[in-house]
């Protein structure tokens, strides 16, 4: 019997697959140096962004199980 493939735990914590199959991620630039960023900029960085088409196959492979 061969071993089961395991999903990548780091990727599992960072990415989410939506019901329609899109892969979403958190926006960058919202971790530190927040005082110098405007409220408008920080507000627009909130929420999830879709992963680019170039990166999507690689991330789906990590999340495949």
N, C-alpha and C. Protein backbone atom coordinates (compact mmCIF):
# COMPACT_ATOMS: atom_id res chain seq x y z
N UNK A 1 0.82 -1.19 0.00
CA UNK A 1 0.00 0.00 0.00
C UNK A 1 0.87 1.26 0.00
N UNK A 2 0.57 2.17 -0.91
CA UNK A 2 1.36 3.40 -0.94
C UNK A 2 0.78 4.43 0.02
N UNK A 3 1.63 5.37 0.40
CA UNK A 3 1.19 6.39 1.36
C UNK A 3 0.27 7.40 0.69
N UNK A 4 -0.58 8.00 1.50
CA UNK A 4 -1.47 9.04 1.00
C UNK A 4 -0.69 10.33 0.80
N UNK A 5 -1.08 11.11 -0.20
CA UNK A 5 -0.49 12.44 -0.40
C UNK A 5 -1.06 13.37 0.67
N UNK A 6 -0.21 14.23 1.19
CA UNK A 6 -0.67 15.18 2.20
C UNK A 6 -0.75 16.57 1.59
N UNK A 7 -1.76 17.32 2.00
CA UNK A 7 -1.85 18.70 1.51
C UNK A 7 -0.81 19.54 2.24
N UNK A 8 -0.34 20.59 1.58
CA UNK A 8 0.69 21.46 2.14
C UNK A 8 0.07 22.34 3.21
N UNK A 9 0.48 22.17 4.45
CA UNK A 9 -0.16 22.86 5.57
C UNK A 9 0.03 24.36 5.51
N UNK A 10 1.19 24.82 5.05
CA UNK A 10 1.43 26.26 4.92
C UNK A 10 0.49 26.89 3.90
N UNK A 11 0.29 26.19 2.78
CA UNK A 11 -0.61 26.68 1.74
C UNK A 11 -2.05 26.63 2.21
N UNK A 12 -2.37 25.61 2.98
CA UNK A 12 -3.74 25.45 3.49
C UNK A 12 -4.14 26.63 4.38
N UNK A 13 -3.15 27.16 5.13
CA UNK A 13 -3.42 28.29 6.02
C UNK A 13 -3.50 29.61 5.27
N UNK A 14 -2.86 29.71 4.09
CA UNK A 14 -2.77 30.97 3.37
C UNK A 14 -3.80 31.14 2.26
N UNK A 15 -4.28 30.05 1.70
CA UNK A 15 -5.18 30.12 0.56
C UNK A 15 -6.50 29.43 0.84
N UNK A 16 -7.54 29.87 0.14
CA UNK A 16 -8.87 29.30 0.31
C UNK A 16 -9.48 29.11 -1.07
N UNK A 17 -10.14 27.98 -1.29
CA UNK A 17 -10.82 27.73 -2.55
C UNK A 17 -12.29 28.06 -2.35
N UNK A 18 -12.82 28.91 -3.23
CA UNK A 18 -14.22 29.31 -3.11
C UNK A 18 -15.12 28.21 -3.67
N UNK A 19 -16.40 28.39 -3.50
CA UNK A 19 -17.35 27.40 -3.99
C UNK A 19 -17.32 27.25 -5.50
N UNK A 20 -17.01 28.34 -6.21
CA UNK A 20 -16.95 28.28 -7.67
C UNK A 20 -15.60 27.79 -8.18
N UNK A 21 -14.66 27.55 -7.25
CA UNK A 21 -13.37 26.98 -7.64
C UNK A 21 -12.23 27.99 -7.74
N UNK A 22 -12.51 29.27 -7.49
CA UNK A 22 -11.43 30.26 -7.51
C UNK A 22 -10.56 30.10 -6.27
N UNK A 23 -9.28 30.47 -6.40
CA UNK A 23 -8.37 30.41 -5.25
C UNK A 23 -8.15 31.84 -4.78
N UNK A 24 -8.39 32.09 -3.49
CA UNK A 24 -8.23 33.44 -2.96
C UNK A 24 -7.08 33.50 -1.97
N UNK A 25 -6.56 34.70 -1.78
CA UNK A 25 -5.44 34.93 -0.87
C UNK A 25 -5.66 36.27 -0.18
N UNK A 26 -4.90 36.50 0.90
CA UNK A 26 -4.94 37.76 1.61
C UNK A 26 -4.11 38.79 0.85
N UNK A 27 -4.48 40.05 0.92
CA UNK A 27 -3.71 41.10 0.27
C UNK A 27 -2.39 41.33 0.99
N UNK A 28 -1.38 41.74 0.26
CA UNK A 28 -0.09 42.07 0.87
C UNK A 28 -0.14 43.50 1.40
N UNK A 29 0.92 43.95 2.03
CA UNK A 29 1.08 45.32 2.53
C UNK A 29 0.17 45.70 3.69
N UNK A 30 -0.26 44.73 4.49
CA UNK A 30 -1.11 45.08 5.62
C UNK A 30 -0.61 44.44 6.91
N UNK A 31 0.71 44.26 7.00
CA UNK A 31 1.30 43.63 8.18
C UNK A 31 2.00 44.62 9.10
N UNK A 32 2.82 45.49 8.55
CA UNK A 32 3.54 46.43 9.39
C UNK A 32 3.74 47.74 8.64
N UNK A 33 4.30 48.76 9.34
CA UNK A 33 4.41 50.14 8.84
C UNK A 33 3.03 50.68 8.48
N UNK A 34 2.06 50.41 9.33
CA UNK A 34 0.69 50.80 9.02
C UNK A 34 0.42 52.27 9.33
N UNK A 35 1.25 52.90 10.16
CA UNK A 35 1.01 54.30 10.52
C UNK A 35 1.17 55.22 9.32
N UNK A 36 2.12 54.90 8.45
CA UNK A 36 2.37 55.78 7.29
C UNK A 36 1.40 55.53 6.14
N UNK A 37 0.66 54.44 6.18
CA UNK A 37 -0.32 54.15 5.13
C UNK A 37 -1.64 54.83 5.46
N UNK A 38 -2.29 55.36 4.44
CA UNK A 38 -3.55 56.08 4.67
C UNK A 38 -4.66 55.09 5.00
N UNK A 39 -5.69 55.60 5.68
CA UNK A 39 -6.84 54.77 6.04
C UNK A 39 -7.49 54.20 4.79
N UNK A 40 -7.55 55.01 3.75
CA UNK A 40 -8.15 54.57 2.49
C UNK A 40 -7.39 53.38 1.91
N UNK A 41 -6.07 53.47 1.92
CA UNK A 41 -5.22 52.40 1.39
C UNK A 41 -5.40 51.11 2.19
N UNK A 42 -5.41 51.24 3.53
CA UNK A 42 -5.55 50.07 4.40
C UNK A 42 -6.93 49.44 4.23
N UNK A 43 -7.94 50.27 4.08
CA UNK A 43 -9.31 49.77 3.90
C UNK A 43 -9.43 48.98 2.60
N UNK A 44 -8.80 49.45 1.56
CA UNK A 44 -8.86 48.77 0.27
C UNK A 44 -8.04 47.48 0.24
N UNK A 45 -7.07 47.38 1.15
CA UNK A 45 -6.25 46.17 1.22
C UNK A 45 -6.93 45.06 2.03
N UNK A 46 -8.00 45.43 2.78
CA UNK A 46 -8.72 44.41 3.54
C UNK A 46 -9.43 43.45 2.60
N UNK A 47 -9.76 42.27 3.10
CA UNK A 47 -10.49 41.32 2.28
C UNK A 47 -9.56 40.44 1.46
N UNK A 48 -10.15 39.63 0.62
CA UNK A 48 -9.39 38.64 -0.13
C UNK A 48 -9.23 39.07 -1.59
N UNK A 49 -8.12 38.63 -2.22
CA UNK A 49 -7.88 38.85 -3.63
C UNK A 49 -7.79 37.50 -4.31
N UNK A 50 -8.03 37.49 -5.60
CA UNK A 50 -7.93 36.24 -6.33
C UNK A 50 -6.48 35.99 -6.72
N UNK A 51 -6.06 34.74 -6.69
CA UNK A 51 -4.69 34.36 -7.07
C UNK A 51 -4.57 34.48 -8.59
N UNK A 52 -3.42 34.93 -9.07
CA UNK A 52 -3.22 35.11 -10.51
C UNK A 52 -3.28 33.77 -11.24
N UNK A 53 -3.61 33.84 -12.51
CA UNK A 53 -3.74 32.64 -13.33
C UNK A 53 -2.43 31.87 -13.44
N UNK A 54 -1.30 32.59 -13.40
CA UNK A 54 0.01 31.95 -13.51
C UNK A 54 0.34 31.12 -12.28
N UNK A 55 -0.09 31.58 -11.11
CA UNK A 55 0.23 30.89 -9.85
C UNK A 55 -0.80 29.83 -9.47
N UNK A 56 -1.97 29.92 -10.04
CA UNK A 56 -3.08 29.07 -9.62
C UNK A 56 -2.81 27.56 -9.71
N UNK A 57 -2.27 27.04 -10.83
CA UNK A 57 -2.03 25.58 -10.90
C UNK A 57 -1.11 25.06 -9.80
N UNK A 58 -0.08 25.85 -9.48
CA UNK A 58 0.89 25.43 -8.45
C UNK A 58 0.23 25.38 -7.08
N UNK A 59 -0.60 26.36 -6.78
CA UNK A 59 -1.27 26.41 -5.48
C UNK A 59 -2.32 25.31 -5.37
N UNK A 60 -3.03 25.06 -6.46
CA UNK A 60 -4.04 23.99 -6.45
C UNK A 60 -3.40 22.63 -6.22
N UNK A 61 -2.17 22.47 -6.74
CA UNK A 61 -1.45 21.21 -6.52
C UNK A 61 -1.10 21.03 -5.05
N UNK A 62 -0.73 22.13 -4.38
CA UNK A 62 -0.42 22.07 -2.95
C UNK A 62 -1.66 21.77 -2.11
N UNK A 63 -2.81 22.25 -2.58
CA UNK A 63 -4.06 22.09 -1.84
C UNK A 63 -4.86 20.86 -2.28
N UNK A 64 -4.30 20.09 -3.18
CA UNK A 64 -5.07 19.04 -3.87
C UNK A 64 -5.71 17.99 -2.97
N UNK A 65 -5.21 17.77 -1.75
CA UNK A 65 -5.76 16.69 -0.93
C UNK A 65 -6.61 17.19 0.20
